[in-house]
Amino acid sequence: METKVYEVKGMSCDHCKHAVESALLEIEGISKATVNLEKGEVSVGFTAPVSIETMSAAVDEAGYELIAQ
């Protein structure tokens, strides 16, 4: 399983953490999403290729901003 880390802007609490993780886990091809609030990052585990646009749209819909690296 491939894992990548992305910066997420706008997170500040456990609700934010849950919202971002849930949004990403709903995407087919993502098997893991773990937010680190202190670093403002999310670690994403993939079982299949997922475009950055798809992930960004899901995170944006949850009210946050995924930063492509």
Protein backbone atom coordinates (compact mmCIF):
# COMPACT_ATOMS: atom_id res chain seq x y z
CA MET A 1 0.00 0.00 0.00
CA GLU A 2 1.33 3.41 -0.99
CA THR A 3 1.11 6.23 1.57
CA LYS A 4 1.45 9.97 0.95
CA VAL A 5 1.27 12.98 3.27
CA TYR A 6 -0.56 16.18 2.32
CA GLU A 7 -0.92 19.55 4.05
CA VAL A 8 -4.48 20.53 4.98
CA LYS A 9 -5.40 24.13 5.81
CA GLY A 10 -8.22 25.14 8.13
CA MET A 11 -8.15 22.31 10.69
CA SER A 12 -8.12 23.21 14.38
CA CYS A 13 -10.02 20.57 16.40
CA ASP A 14 -11.16 16.94 16.61
CA HIS A 15 -14.27 17.75 14.55
CA CYS A 16 -11.99 19.01 11.76
CA LYS A 17 -9.87 15.87 12.03
CA HIS A 18 -12.91 13.61 11.75
CA ALA A 19 -14.41 15.59 8.86
CA VAL A 20 -11.24 15.38 6.75
CA GLU A 21 -10.61 11.71 7.51
CA SER A 22 -14.24 10.79 6.75
CA ALA A 23 -14.28 12.74 3.49
CA LEU A 24 -11.15 10.99 2.24
CA LEU A 25 -12.21 7.51 3.38
CA GLU A 26 -15.36 7.77 1.26
CA ILE A 27 -13.20 7.82 -1.89
CA GLU A 28 -12.71 4.48 -3.62
CA GLY A 29 -9.00 3.62 -3.61
CA ILE A 30 -8.25 5.22 -0.22
CA SER A 31 -7.92 2.72 2.62
CA LYS A 32 -6.46 4.96 5.34
CA ALA A 33 -6.62 8.64 6.25
CA THR A 34 -4.98 9.85 9.46
CA VAL A 35 -4.86 13.54 10.39
CA ASN A 36 -2.08 15.05 12.50
CA LEU A 37 -3.62 18.30 13.80
CA GLU A 38 -0.33 19.62 15.24
CA LYS A 39 1.38 19.40 11.85
CA GLY A 40 -1.73 20.27 9.81
CA GLU A 41 -1.25 17.15 7.71
CA VAL A 42 -3.12 14.05 6.61
CA SER A 43 -1.45 10.74 5.83
CA VAL A 44 -3.37 8.89 3.10
CA GLY A 45 -3.02 5.19 2.29
CA PHE A 46 -3.95 4.08 -1.22
CA THR A 47 -5.09 0.70 -2.59
CA ALA A 48 -5.61 2.18 -6.08
CA PRO A 49 -4.64 5.42 -7.83
CA VAL A 50 -6.68 8.48 -6.79
CA SER A 51 -6.23 11.90 -8.39
CA ILE A 52 -5.29 14.91 -6.30
CA GLU A 53 -8.31 16.67 -7.82
CA THR A 54 -10.65 14.02 -6.41
CA MET A 55 -9.10 14.28 -2.95
CA SER A 56 -9.08 18.09 -3.03
CA ALA A 57 -12.75 18.21 -4.01
CA ALA A 58 -13.72 15.91 -1.12
CA VAL A 59 -11.70 17.90 1.42
CA ASP A 60 -13.00 21.21 0.02
CA GLU A 61 -16.58 19.95 0.36
CA ALA A 62 -15.85 19.19 4.02
CA GLY A 63 -14.73 22.83 4.46
CA TYR A 64 -10.93 22.52 4.34
CA GLU A 65 -8.15 22.91 1.79
CA LEU A 66 -5.87 20.06 0.69
CA ILE A 67 -2.51 21.34 -0.53
CA ALA A 68 -0.96 19.34 -3.38
CA GLN A 69 2.77 18.82 -2.94
